[in-house]
Amino acid sequence: MSNEELKLKADVLIIGGGPAGAWASIAAAEQGASVILVDKGYCGTSGATAPAGTGIWYIKPNEQEREEAMMSRAELGGHLADRKWMLRVLDRTYHNVHQIRDWGYPFPIDQRGELNYSSVQGPEYMRLMRKRVQKAGVRILDHSPALELLADGHGVAGATGIQEQTGQTWRIDAAAVVIATGGCAFLSKALGTNVLTGDGYLMAGEAGAEFSGMEFSTAYAIVPHFSSVTKTVFYNWATFYYEDGRVVEGAGSRRGRSVIAKTLLKEPVYARLDKADEALKLAMRKAQPNFFLSFDRLKIDPFTEKFPITLRYEGTVRGTGGINIVDETCATKVPGLYAAGDAATRELICGGFTGGGSHNAAWAMSSGYWSGEGAARFALKQGAHRLDRDARGLSEQTGVPTHPNSHKSAVNSEELIRLVQDEVFPYDRNWFRNEQGLTDSLGRLNRLWHEIKQGVSTGEGSTISVREAAAMTATARWMYESGLERRETRGMHVRTDFPGKDAAQHYRLLSGGLDKVWVKPHTGPYSGNIREAIRP
């Protein structure tokens, strides 16, 4: 273990090594900026994309096809998406998908003899992206989670963190920072999400950034009881059953998941993928081979045999809320701070309903590219002394701890995390919301926040669990305060005490704050008459 801090400088610091962080790194380097990427895990294998296959919202530049693609989810998303952003993402995704093809990604050939660009295998995709990041001259620090941002009177100026394997601390001074840390799944054990604990949200919140759409965070994935693989799209071809073999009427993957949740509150639910024909069965196995691993080990044929399912919480990983961006470069309101991928709001292309893997993958490619490009241009404009700033860690101002406290009164991080999970995992507390339930949960979460400010111990845990506990608590508070403010049912946000959609609430919600959370309607350039904006 080294006691000497690693000190580095770069024009742009990328925090997060998933697809958004990788694209941001490459784009920033292309602008001539020096770039460092830090990853909580190992860039190329950690995060939600790396271990599995994922669809891509890839639509050819055909006007009719794109109109149909944009309109197909308008109602599901509560008509909150923005047409201009959707078209921008479709254009950028089309270009980036062809770029990775040229870099050597092996897209399969479909029945017509054409390359199928609609999905990628995470391991191959992210292995390729790591190579491209390195080829671009970006320095990568693996297993090096960021703990807090640095800032001065002019804005964000880098970050500090720790190298987990050695215990060495690091400090990187940078003229611009891109947060690409993914969403927050609250350590629910969904595949690939155990590094996604809202760390980037907390850092952005400490800097004064705003959040958007945090009420749209009730993303629960259908999974077999014996698996962590959250590939809910396959359940479009499933029938759902009670234990005695009766069909659960109204249950479904896209529009009937709430029926499944209500049923699971009372009794078990089973599924069988019995609507898939032979050709589709083969396509499923080829597209998502890891989905079938647990079935094959247990000698279960999911197409002919019923299997028990549950709903595993994915929070803002498949929700649509995140750090609010204020312009087309994916900048936040904080000078020098940018957001990309699941760390940023996806309301602009999804509205209030999950984009699943496909929209999120397209958003990661696009927002990653734009944020890296924007951050580099911002940094390079700061002049020759852009890295010579007397920046300090923001936790000094916020009082949110970054390291364990050994005092006997300090609350334990593992206990904190369990208590936060108790508030966000239950269907009858989070999926089906009402004023009393949200208020009660917020009371408990606010008390936890107060305890965190007094210090957090870790026992045998690692240093980063202090920030993970704080980040999850902060995220839950932004979620529930936003959910309390939206007194209607829209998108994936369900209020049992306000079951209808209210035309007067046809706007996005911004939120922020640490000790005192605030929520207000979005009145910026991407609000207004959104319903009209997405019509053909």
Protein backbone atom coordinates (compact mmCIF):
# COMPACT_ATOMS: atom_id res chain seq x y z
CA MET A 1 0.00 0.00 0.00
CA SER A 2 1.40 3.40 -1.06
CA ASN A 3 1.01 6.41 1.23
CA GLU A 4 1.97 8.82 -1.55
CA GLU A 5 -0.95 10.28 -3.49
CA LEU A 6 -0.94 9.81 -7.27
CA LYS A 7 -1.23 13.29 -8.81
CA LEU A 8 -2.12 13.69 -12.47
CA LYS A 9 -3.40 16.38 -14.82
CA ALA A 10 -5.53 16.18 -17.97
CA ASP A 11 -7.67 18.49 -20.03
CA VAL A 12 -10.64 16.14 -19.60
CA LEU A 13 -11.40 13.59 -16.90
CA ILE A 14 -13.95 10.89 -17.69
CA ILE A 15 -15.50 9.19 -14.65
CA GLY A 16 -16.92 5.83 -15.69
CA GLY A 17 -15.71 3.20 -18.15
CA GLY A 18 -18.91 1.84 -19.72
CA PRO A 19 -19.99 2.64 -23.28
CA ALA A 20 -20.79 6.29 -22.53
CA GLY A 21 -17.43 6.86 -20.85
CA ALA A 22 -15.59 5.08 -23.65
CA TRP A 23 -17.28 7.16 -26.37
CA ALA A 24 -16.67 10.35 -24.35
CA SER A 25 -12.97 9.51 -24.04
CA ILE A 26 -12.54 8.84 -27.74
CA ALA A 27 -14.45 11.97 -28.75
CA ALA A 28 -12.48 14.18 -26.34
CA ALA A 29 -9.17 12.80 -27.59
CA GLU A 30 -10.23 13.43 -31.19
CA GLN A 31 -10.51 17.11 -30.31
CA GLY A 32 -6.86 17.16 -29.28
CA ALA A 33 -7.44 17.11 -25.52
CA SER A 34 -5.41 15.05 -23.07
CA VAL A 35 -7.79 12.57 -21.43
CA ILE A 36 -7.81 10.33 -18.36
CA LEU A 37 -10.57 7.79 -17.74
CA VAL A 38 -11.14 6.38 -14.24
CA ASP A 39 -13.35 3.36 -13.69
CA LYS A 40 -14.76 1.91 -10.50
CA GLY A 41 -14.26 -1.53 -12.03
CA TYR A 42 -12.26 -2.59 -15.08
CA CYS A 43 -13.05 -0.56 -18.17
CA GLY A 44 -14.42 -3.06 -20.65
CA THR A 45 -15.91 -5.57 -18.22
CA SER A 46 -17.79 -3.60 -15.56
CA GLY A 47 -21.25 -2.07 -15.78
CA ALA A 48 -24.61 -3.10 -17.18
CA THR A 49 -23.57 -3.39 -20.84
CA ALA A 50 -20.40 -5.45 -20.53
CA PRO A 51 -21.74 -8.85 -19.37
CA ALA A 52 -24.73 -9.22 -21.70
CA GLY A 53 -26.20 -8.60 -25.09
CA THR A 54 -28.12 -5.39 -25.63
CA GLY A 55 -30.40 -4.02 -28.30
CA ILE A 56 -29.62 -0.72 -30.01
CA TRP A 57 -32.15 1.91 -31.10
CA TYR A 58 -30.76 1.78 -34.62
CA ILE A 59 -33.06 3.07 -37.37
CA LYS A 60 -31.95 3.68 -40.93
CA PRO A 61 -32.26 7.30 -42.15
CA ASN A 62 -35.70 6.62 -43.55
CA GLU A 63 -38.26 9.28 -42.64
CA GLN A 64 -41.23 6.95 -42.27
CA GLU A 65 -39.32 4.35 -40.25
CA ARG A 66 -37.98 7.00 -37.92
CA GLU A 67 -41.39 8.60 -37.43
CA GLU A 68 -42.82 5.20 -36.53
CA ALA A 69 -39.94 4.52 -34.14
CA MET A 70 -40.39 7.85 -32.38
CA MET A 71 -44.16 7.53 -32.12
CA SER A 72 -44.14 3.89 -30.97
CA ARG A 73 -43.35 4.79 -27.36
CA ALA A 74 -44.86 8.28 -27.14
CA GLU A 75 -47.89 7.24 -25.12
CA LEU A 76 -45.88 4.91 -22.88
CA GLY A 77 -43.52 7.77 -22.06
CA GLY A 78 -46.31 10.18 -21.21
CA HIS A 79 -45.50 12.40 -24.22
CA LEU A 80 -42.46 13.88 -22.49
CA ALA A 81 -39.82 13.07 -25.10
CA ASP A 82 -38.32 15.73 -27.36
CA ARG A 83 -38.46 15.20 -31.10
CA LYS A 84 -35.25 17.14 -31.85
CA TRP A 85 -33.27 15.06 -29.40
CA MET A 86 -34.71 11.81 -30.67
CA LEU A 87 -33.65 12.65 -34.22
CA ARG A 88 -30.20 13.74 -33.06
CA VAL A 89 -29.73 10.45 -31.22
CA LEU A 90 -30.92 8.40 -34.18
CA ASP A 91 -28.46 10.22 -36.45
CA ARG A 92 -25.51 9.91 -34.05
CA THR A 93 -26.28 6.28 -33.26
CA TYR A 94 -26.44 5.41 -36.94
CA HIS A 95 -23.00 6.94 -37.43
CA ASN A 96 -21.46 5.36 -34.31
CA VAL A 97 -22.79 1.89 -35.06
CA HIS A 98 -21.18 2.05 -38.48
CA GLN A 99 -18.02 3.30 -36.80
CA ILE A 100 -17.71 0.24 -34.58
CA ARG A 101 -18.39 -1.90 -37.63
CA ASP A 102 -15.40 -0.26 -39.32
CA TRP A 103 -13.36 -0.81 -36.16
CA GLY A 104 -14.05 -4.53 -36.49
CA TYR A 105 -17.15 -5.34 -34.46
CA PRO A 106 -18.56 -8.60 -35.94
CA PHE A 107 -22.22 -7.74 -36.58
CA PRO A 108 -24.15 -10.86 -37.64
CA ILE A 109 -25.69 -11.32 -41.06
CA ASP A 110 -29.48 -11.60 -41.16
CA GLN A 111 -31.67 -13.78 -43.38
CA ARG A 112 -31.53 -11.21 -46.18
CA GLY A 113 -27.74 -11.35 -46.22
CA GLU A 114 -27.39 -7.91 -44.63
CA LEU A 115 -25.58 -6.92 -41.46
CA ASN A 116 -27.89 -6.74 -38.46
CA TYR A 117 -27.05 -3.58 -36.53
CA SER A 118 -29.88 -3.81 -34.01
CA SER A 119 -27.88 -5.36 -31.15
CA VAL A 120 -24.40 -6.00 -29.82
CA GLN A 121 -22.86 -8.54 -27.51
CA GLY A 122 -21.58 -6.65 -24.48
CA PRO A 123 -18.30 -8.54 -23.97
CA GLU A 124 -17.18 -8.09 -27.58
CA TYR A 125 -18.44 -4.51 -27.80
CA MET A 126 -16.75 -3.31 -24.64
CA ARG A 127 -13.53 -5.22 -25.35
CA LEU A 128 -13.38 -3.35 -28.65
CA MET A 129 -14.19 -0.01 -27.00
CA ARG A 130 -11.38 -0.42 -24.46
CA LYS A 131 -8.92 -1.02 -27.30
CA ARG A 132 -10.17 2.08 -29.10
CA VAL A 133 -9.91 4.19 -25.94
CA GLN A 134 -6.30 3.09 -25.51
CA LYS A 135 -5.55 3.63 -29.19
CA ALA A 136 -6.86 7.20 -28.83
CA GLY A 137 -4.12 7.84 -26.26
CA VAL A 138 -6.39 7.94 -23.23
CA ARG A 139 -4.87 6.90 -19.92
CA ILE A 140 -7.09 4.42 -18.04
CA LEU A 141 -7.08 3.94 -14.28
CA ASP A 142 -8.96 0.72 -13.52
CA HIS A 143 -10.40 -0.14 -10.10
CA SER A 144 -10.04 3.53 -9.24
CA PRO A 145 -13.42 4.92 -8.14
CA ALA A 146 -13.80 8.68 -7.86
CA LEU A 147 -14.88 9.83 -4.40
CA GLU A 148 -15.51 13.54 -4.92
CA LEU A 149 -15.18 16.33 -7.45
CA LEU A 150 -12.73 19.19 -7.18
CA ALA A 151 -13.94 22.73 -7.81
CA ASP A 152 -13.07 26.38 -7.48
CA GLY A 153 -14.93 29.60 -8.11
CA HIS A 154 -14.92 28.95 -11.87
CA GLY A 155 -16.50 25.50 -11.77
CA VAL A 156 -15.46 21.84 -11.66
CA ALA A 157 -11.72 21.20 -11.88
CA GLY A 158 -11.11 17.46 -11.50
CA ALA A 159 -11.70 14.77 -8.89
CA THR A 160 -10.08 12.66 -6.21
CA GLY A 161 -10.43 8.96 -5.58
CA ILE A 162 -8.74 5.77 -4.51
CA GLN A 163 -7.08 2.84 -6.23
CA GLU A 164 -8.86 -0.05 -4.56
CA GLN A 165 -6.27 -2.75 -5.16
CA THR A 166 -3.41 -0.77 -3.64
CA GLY A 167 -5.21 1.67 -1.37
CA GLN A 168 -3.37 4.54 -3.05
CA THR A 169 -5.31 7.78 -3.29
CA TRP A 170 -5.31 9.81 -6.47
CA ARG A 171 -5.98 13.39 -7.51
CA ILE A 172 -6.59 14.43 -11.10
CA ASP A 173 -6.76 18.12 -11.95
CA ALA A 174 -8.78 18.66 -15.10
CA ALA A 175 -10.36 21.56 -16.94
CA ALA A 176 -13.56 19.59 -17.59
CA VAL A 177 -15.17 16.44 -16.20
CA VAL A 178 -17.67 14.02 -17.76
CA ILE A 179 -19.74 11.94 -15.36
CA ALA A 180 -20.54 8.62 -17.04
CA THR A 181 -20.99 6.49 -13.93
CA GLY A 182 -24.30 4.90 -14.90
CA GLY A 183 -27.51 4.92 -12.92
CA CYS A 184 -28.37 3.54 -9.51
CA ALA A 185 -29.70 0.00 -9.00
CA PHE A 186 -29.22 0.08 -5.20
CA LEU A 187 -27.12 -3.11 -5.12
CA SER A 188 -30.11 -5.21 -6.16
CA LYS A 189 -27.80 -7.82 -7.75
CA ALA A 190 -29.21 -7.31 -11.23
CA LEU A 191 -26.59 -8.48 -13.72
CA GLY A 192 -23.78 -5.97 -14.16
CA THR A 193 -25.19 -3.33 -11.82
CA ASN A 194 -23.22 -3.78 -8.61
CA VAL A 195 -20.94 -0.87 -9.54
CA LEU A 196 -23.97 1.32 -10.30
CA THR A 197 -24.79 2.91 -6.96
CA GLY A 198 -25.47 6.54 -7.88
CA ASP A 199 -21.93 7.74 -7.13
CA GLY A 200 -21.96 10.16 -10.05
CA TYR A 201 -25.29 11.60 -8.91
CA LEU A 202 -23.86 12.38 -5.50
CA MET A 203 -20.77 14.05 -6.95
CA ALA A 204 -22.88 16.10 -9.35
CA GLY A 205 -25.30 17.02 -6.57
CA GLU A 206 -22.44 18.24 -4.41
CA ALA A 207 -21.35 20.50 -7.30
CA GLY A 208 -24.84 21.99 -7.56
CA ALA A 209 -26.05 20.12 -10.64
CA GLU A 210 -29.75 19.52 -11.14
CA PHE A 211 -31.61 16.30 -11.87
CA SER A 212 -34.51 15.61 -14.18
CA GLY A 213 -37.13 12.88 -14.22
CA MET A 214 -36.11 11.25 -10.96
CA GLU A 215 -39.71 10.20 -10.34
CA PHE A 216 -39.41 7.86 -13.34
CA SER A 217 -37.33 5.38 -11.38
CA THR A 218 -39.68 2.45 -10.85
CA ALA A 219 -37.87 0.12 -13.22
CA TYR A 220 -38.29 -3.50 -12.15
CA ALA A 221 -37.12 -6.24 -14.50
CA ILE A 222 -38.78 -9.63 -14.87
CA VAL A 223 -36.29 -12.33 -13.92
CA PRO A 224 -36.41 -16.02 -13.08
CA HIS A 225 -36.20 -16.57 -9.32
CA PHE A 226 -32.90 -18.35 -9.87
CA SER A 227 -31.20 -15.77 -12.13
CA SER A 228 -29.91 -12.19 -12.12
CA VAL A 229 -30.16 -11.77 -15.90
CA THR A 230 -32.62 -8.96 -16.59
CA LYS A 231 -33.62 -9.41 -20.22
CA THR A 232 -37.25 -8.42 -19.96
CA VAL A 233 -37.78 -8.09 -23.71
CA PHE A 234 -38.00 -11.88 -24.03
CA TYR A 235 -41.11 -11.84 -21.87
CA ASN A 236 -42.98 -10.17 -24.72
CA TRP A 237 -43.43 -13.77 -25.85
CA ALA A 238 -44.40 -15.15 -22.46
CA THR A 239 -47.61 -16.21 -20.83
CA PHE A 240 -47.84 -15.71 -17.07
CA TYR A 241 -49.46 -18.22 -14.76
CA TYR A 242 -50.62 -18.74 -11.20
CA GLU A 243 -49.17 -21.73 -9.38
CA ASP A 244 -52.22 -23.84 -10.25
CA GLY A 245 -51.72 -23.23 -13.98
CA ARG A 246 -54.36 -20.54 -14.53
CA VAL A 247 -53.33 -17.61 -16.72
CA VAL A 248 -52.72 -14.29 -14.97
CA GLU A 249 -54.98 -12.10 -17.05
CA GLY A 250 -53.49 -8.75 -18.09
CA ALA A 251 -49.93 -9.70 -17.16
CA GLY A 252 -47.27 -8.72 -19.66
CA SER A 253 -43.82 -7.33 -20.17
CA ARG A 254 -44.54 -3.84 -21.47
CA ARG A 255 -48.04 -2.86 -20.32
CA GLY A 256 -48.86 -5.57 -17.80
CA ARG A 257 -45.92 -5.56 -15.43
CA SER A 258 -47.97 -3.84 -12.72
CA VAL A 259 -50.37 -6.82 -12.82
CA ILE A 260 -47.41 -9.09 -12.13
CA ALA A 261 -46.30 -6.87 -9.25
CA LYS A 262 -49.77 -6.85 -7.66
CA THR A 263 -49.98 -10.61 -7.97
CA LEU A 264 -46.52 -11.16 -6.48
CA LEU A 265 -47.59 -9.22 -3.39
CA LYS A 266 -50.02 -12.07 -2.72
CA GLU A 267 -48.70 -15.24 -4.39
CA PRO A 268 -46.09 -16.70 -6.76
CA VAL A 269 -46.15 -16.03 -10.51
CA TYR A 270 -44.76 -18.32 -13.21
CA ALA A 271 -43.83 -17.66 -16.82
CA ARG A 272 -43.37 -19.69 -19.97
CA LEU A 273 -42.04 -18.31 -23.25
CA ASP A 274 -44.69 -20.20 -25.16
CA LYS A 275 -45.47 -17.54 -27.78
CA ALA A 276 -42.09 -17.85 -29.52
CA ASP A 277 -41.94 -19.85 -32.74
CA GLU A 278 -38.97 -22.02 -33.72
CA ALA A 279 -37.20 -19.30 -35.67
CA LEU A 280 -37.56 -16.86 -32.78
CA LYS A 281 -36.26 -19.40 -30.29
CA LEU A 282 -33.05 -19.75 -32.28
CA ALA A 283 -32.74 -15.98 -32.63
CA MET A 284 -33.18 -15.51 -28.88
CA ARG A 285 -30.43 -17.96 -28.04
CA LYS A 286 -28.09 -16.34 -30.52
CA ALA A 287 -28.83 -12.77 -29.37
CA GLN A 288 -28.77 -13.36 -25.60
CA PRO A 289 -26.95 -16.61 -24.82
CA ASN A 290 -26.38 -15.80 -21.15
CA PHE A 291 -30.14 -15.52 -20.61
CA PHE A 292 -30.37 -19.27 -21.10
CA LEU A 293 -27.38 -20.37 -19.00
CA SER A 294 -29.27 -20.77 -15.73
CA PHE A 295 -32.12 -22.59 -17.49
CA ASP A 296 -29.72 -25.00 -19.14
CA ARG A 297 -27.93 -25.71 -15.85
CA LEU A 298 -31.27 -26.53 -14.20
CA LYS A 299 -32.43 -28.50 -17.27
CA ILE A 300 -35.47 -26.26 -17.72
CA ASP A 301 -36.83 -25.53 -21.19
CA PRO A 302 -38.30 -22.01 -20.76
CA PHE A 303 -40.29 -22.39 -23.99
CA THR A 304 -42.26 -25.43 -22.80
CA GLU A 305 -41.95 -25.43 -18.99
CA LYS A 306 -43.24 -22.92 -16.46
CA PHE A 307 -40.64 -21.32 -14.16
CA PRO A 308 -41.03 -19.00 -11.16
CA ILE A 309 -40.32 -15.31 -11.72
CA THR A 310 -39.83 -12.21 -9.63
CA LEU A 311 -39.26 -8.52 -10.28
CA ARG A 312 -35.74 -7.28 -9.61
CA TYR A 313 -35.25 -3.56 -9.03
CA GLU A 314 -33.11 -1.67 -11.54
CA GLY A 315 -33.87 1.88 -10.40
CA THR A 316 -32.47 4.60 -12.64
CA VAL A 317 -30.40 2.14 -14.68
CA ARG A 318 -33.53 1.37 -16.68
CA GLY A 319 -35.51 4.32 -15.41
CA THR A 320 -35.19 7.57 -17.31
CA GLY A 321 -34.13 10.06 -14.64
CA GLY A 322 -30.63 11.40 -14.11
CA ILE A 323 -28.44 14.49 -14.17
CA ASN A 324 -30.11 17.29 -16.11
CA ILE A 325 -28.30 18.56 -19.19
CA VAL A 326 -28.76 22.10 -20.45
CA ASP A 327 -27.55 22.09 -24.04
CA GLU A 328 -26.62 19.90 -26.99
CA THR A 329 -23.12 19.23 -25.64
CA CYS A 330 -24.61 17.42 -22.62
CA ALA A 331 -23.30 20.12 -20.28
CA THR A 332 -24.84 20.55 -16.85
CA LYS A 333 -25.57 23.91 -15.26
CA VAL A 334 -22.17 23.65 -13.50
CA PRO A 335 -19.30 25.07 -15.61
CA GLY A 336 -16.96 22.32 -16.77
CA LEU A 337 -19.27 19.44 -15.76
CA TYR A 338 -20.90 17.15 -18.34
CA ALA A 339 -23.06 14.03 -18.04
CA ALA A 340 -23.55 11.05 -20.34
CA GLY A 341 -25.22 7.64 -20.53
CA ASP A 342 -27.43 6.42 -17.71
CA ALA A 343 -25.95 9.05 -15.39
CA ALA A 344 -27.78 11.68 -17.46
CA THR A 345 -31.52 12.02 -17.89
CA ARG A 346 -32.99 10.02 -20.77
CA GLU A 347 -36.35 11.81 -20.69
CA LEU A 348 -35.30 13.62 -23.86
CA ILE A 349 -35.67 10.43 -25.91
CA CYS A 350 -37.75 8.16 -23.65
CA GLY A 351 -40.07 10.48 -21.76
CA GLY A 352 -41.26 8.85 -18.56
CA PHE A 353 -40.99 5.20 -19.57
CA THR A 354 -37.90 3.01 -19.67
CA GLY A 355 -35.89 2.88 -22.85
CA GLY A 356 -34.85 -0.63 -21.88
CA GLY A 357 -31.52 -1.60 -23.37
CA SER A 358 -32.00 -0.28 -26.89
CA HIS A 359 -32.70 3.40 -26.21
CA ASN A 360 -30.17 3.44 -23.39
CA ALA A 361 -27.51 1.96 -25.66
CA ALA A 362 -28.20 4.57 -28.32
CA TRP A 363 -28.17 7.33 -25.70
CA ALA A 364 -24.84 6.08 -24.29
CA MET A 365 -23.23 6.17 -27.74
CA SER A 366 -24.66 9.60 -28.55
CA SER A 367 -24.45 11.46 -25.26
CA GLY A 368 -21.03 9.93 -24.66
CA TYR A 369 -19.76 11.30 -27.94
CA TRP A 370 -21.31 14.75 -27.48
CA SER A 371 -20.18 15.14 -23.87
CA GLY A 372 -16.59 14.18 -24.67
CA GLU A 373 -16.50 16.53 -27.64
CA GLY A 374 -18.11 19.34 -25.63
CA ALA A 375 -15.89 18.85 -22.59
CA ALA A 376 -12.74 18.92 -24.73
CA ARG A 377 -13.73 22.09 -26.52
CA PHE A 378 -14.62 23.73 -23.21
CA ALA A 379 -11.30 22.70 -21.68
CA LEU A 380 -9.14 23.80 -24.57
CA LYS A 381 -10.76 27.23 -24.60
CA GLN A 382 -9.58 27.85 -21.04
CA GLY A 383 -6.06 28.68 -22.17
CA ALA A 384 -2.54 27.74 -21.15
CA HIS A 385 -3.17 27.86 -17.39
CA ARG A 386 -6.34 25.74 -17.48
CA LEU A 387 -4.84 23.06 -15.21
CA ASP A 388 -3.27 25.43 -12.70
CA ARG A 389 -6.23 26.00 -10.41
CA ASP A 390 -6.45 25.95 -6.64
CA ALA A 391 -9.38 23.54 -6.55
CA ARG A 392 -10.61 21.78 -3.43
CA GLY A 393 -12.78 18.75 -2.72
CA LEU A 394 -16.48 19.56 -2.57
CA SER A 395 -17.10 17.32 0.44
CA GLU A 396 -15.41 20.01 2.55
CA GLN A 397 -18.35 22.27 1.75
CA THR A 398 -21.16 19.69 1.79
CA GLY A 399 -20.05 17.72 4.83
CA VAL A 400 -20.86 14.41 3.12
CA PRO A 401 -18.13 11.97 4.21
CA THR A 402 -15.72 10.39 1.74
CA HIS A 403 -13.90 8.09 4.17
CA PRO A 404 -14.88 5.84 7.09
CA ASN A 405 -15.29 7.21 10.59
CA SER A 406 -14.10 4.94 13.38
CA HIS A 407 -16.11 6.69 16.10
CA LYS A 408 -18.38 4.25 17.90
CA SER A 409 -21.46 6.39 17.18
CA ALA A 410 -20.89 6.32 13.41
CA VAL A 411 -23.59 4.44 11.51
CA ASN A 412 -22.42 1.33 9.61
CA SER A 413 -22.47 1.54 5.81
CA GLU A 414 -23.89 -1.97 5.36
CA GLU A 415 -26.76 -1.18 7.71
CA LEU A 416 -27.38 2.11 5.90
CA ILE A 417 -27.54 0.37 2.54
CA ARG A 418 -29.96 -2.25 3.86
CA LEU A 419 -32.25 0.44 5.27
CA VAL A 420 -32.28 2.33 1.96
CA GLN A 421 -33.07 -0.91 0.12
CA ASP A 422 -35.98 -1.45 2.50
CA GLU A 423 -37.44 1.80 1.20
CA VAL A 424 -36.91 1.29 -2.55
CA PHE A 425 -37.23 -2.43 -3.21
CA PRO A 426 -40.84 -3.18 -2.09
CA TYR A 427 -43.45 -2.94 -4.86
CA ASP A 428 -46.08 -1.55 -2.51
CA ARG A 429 -43.76 1.26 -1.47
CA ASN A 430 -42.03 2.22 -4.72
CA TRP A 431 -43.94 0.83 -7.70
CA PHE A 432 -47.37 1.67 -6.30
CA ARG A 433 -46.89 5.08 -4.76
CA ASN A 434 -49.14 7.32 -2.70
CA GLU A 435 -48.67 10.43 -0.61
CA GLN A 436 -48.64 8.64 2.73
CA GLY A 437 -46.13 6.00 1.64
CA LEU A 438 -43.79 8.49 -0.02
CA THR A 439 -43.94 10.82 2.96
CA ASP A 440 -43.21 8.01 5.41
CA SER A 441 -40.26 6.78 3.36
CA LEU A 442 -38.87 10.29 3.01
CA GLY A 443 -39.05 10.76 6.75
CA ARG A 444 -36.90 7.68 7.29
CA LEU A 445 -34.53 8.56 4.42
CA ASN A 446 -34.05 12.09 5.71
CA ARG A 447 -33.13 10.71 9.13
CA LEU A 448 -30.60 8.41 7.47
CA TRP A 449 -29.13 11.39 5.63
CA HIS A 450 -28.69 13.21 8.93
CA GLU A 451 -26.90 10.16 10.37
CA ILE A 452 -24.62 9.97 7.33
CA LYS A 453 -23.53 13.56 7.90
CA GLN A 454 -22.40 12.56 11.39
CA GLY A 455 -20.05 9.90 10.02
CA VAL A 456 -20.14 6.40 8.51
CA SER A 457 -18.19 3.34 9.59
CA THR A 458 -17.43 0.39 7.32
CA GLY A 459 -16.40 -2.49 9.57
CA GLU A 460 -14.60 -4.80 7.17
CA GLY A 461 -16.01 -2.97 4.15
CA SER A 462 -14.08 -0.84 1.70
CA THR A 463 -13.73 2.93 1.70
CA ILE A 464 -16.08 3.32 -1.26
CA SER A 465 -19.01 1.84 0.67
CA VAL A 466 -19.19 5.15 2.57
CA ARG A 467 -19.91 7.03 -0.63
CA GLU A 468 -22.13 4.26 -1.98
CA ALA A 469 -24.34 4.45 1.09
CA ALA A 470 -24.52 8.25 0.84
CA ALA A 471 -25.18 8.14 -2.90
CA MET A 472 -28.01 5.62 -2.62
CA THR A 473 -29.63 7.62 0.17
CA ALA A 474 -29.39 10.85 -1.82
CA THR A 475 -30.75 9.16 -4.95
CA ALA A 476 -33.74 7.71 -3.12
CA ARG A 477 -34.56 11.13 -1.68
CA TRP A 478 -34.47 12.81 -5.12
CA MET A 479 -36.65 9.99 -6.47
CA TYR A 480 -39.28 10.16 -3.77
CA GLU A 481 -39.46 13.95 -3.49
CA SER A 482 -40.01 14.06 -7.26
CA GLY A 483 -42.59 11.29 -6.99
CA LEU A 484 -44.39 13.20 -4.26
CA GLU A 485 -44.48 16.35 -6.41
CA ARG A 486 -45.91 14.59 -9.49
CA ARG A 487 -49.49 14.13 -8.40
CA GLU A 488 -50.61 12.03 -11.34
CA THR A 489 -49.82 8.72 -13.04
CA ARG A 490 -47.58 9.19 -16.09
CA GLY A 491 -45.08 6.87 -17.75
CA MET A 492 -43.67 4.42 -15.22
CA HIS A 493 -44.62 6.69 -12.30
CA VAL A 494 -47.78 5.25 -10.71
CA ARG A 495 -49.67 7.13 -8.01
CA THR A 496 -52.48 5.02 -6.60
CA ASP A 497 -54.01 8.17 -5.08
CA PHE A 498 -53.82 9.97 -8.46
CA PRO A 499 -54.45 7.14 -10.97
CA GLY A 500 -55.06 9.35 -14.02
CA LYS A 501 -52.85 11.48 -16.24
CA ASP A 502 -53.25 15.21 -15.60
CA ALA A 503 -52.85 17.45 -18.68
CA ALA A 504 -51.92 20.35 -16.40
CA GLN A 505 -48.82 18.41 -15.27
CA HIS A 506 -47.49 17.86 -18.77
CA TYR A 507 -43.96 19.01 -17.95
CA ARG A 508 -40.72 17.61 -16.64
CA LEU A 509 -39.60 17.98 -13.04
CA LEU A 510 -36.20 19.20 -11.94
CA SER A 511 -34.80 18.34 -8.52
CA GLY A 512 -31.66 18.86 -6.50
CA GLY A 513 -30.24 19.76 -3.13
CA LEU A 514 -28.57 17.65 -0.48
CA ASP A 515 -29.59 18.56 3.05
CA LYS A 516 -32.86 20.00 1.78
CA VAL A 517 -34.17 18.45 -1.43
CA TRP A 518 -36.17 20.69 -3.77
CA VAL A 519 -38.37 19.90 -6.79
CA LYS A 520 -39.79 22.29 -9.39
CA PRO A 521 -41.29 22.20 -12.89
CA HIS A 522 -38.81 22.39 -15.77
CA THR A 523 -39.19 25.69 -17.62
CA GLY A 524 -36.03 25.51 -19.73
CA PRO A 525 -35.55 25.22 -23.51
CA TYR A 526 -36.54 21.54 -23.64
CA SER A 527 -39.95 21.96 -22.00
CA GLY A 528 -43.00 23.63 -23.51
CA ASN A 529 -45.51 21.98 -25.79
CA ILE A 530 -43.77 18.63 -25.99
CA ARG A 531 -46.88 16.75 -27.08
CA GLU A 532 -47.05 18.78 -30.29
CA ALA A 533 -43.31 18.52 -30.83
CA ILE A 534 -43.31 14.75 -31.26
CA ARG A 535 -46.17 14.57 -33.74
CA PRO A 536 -45.31 13.89 -37.40
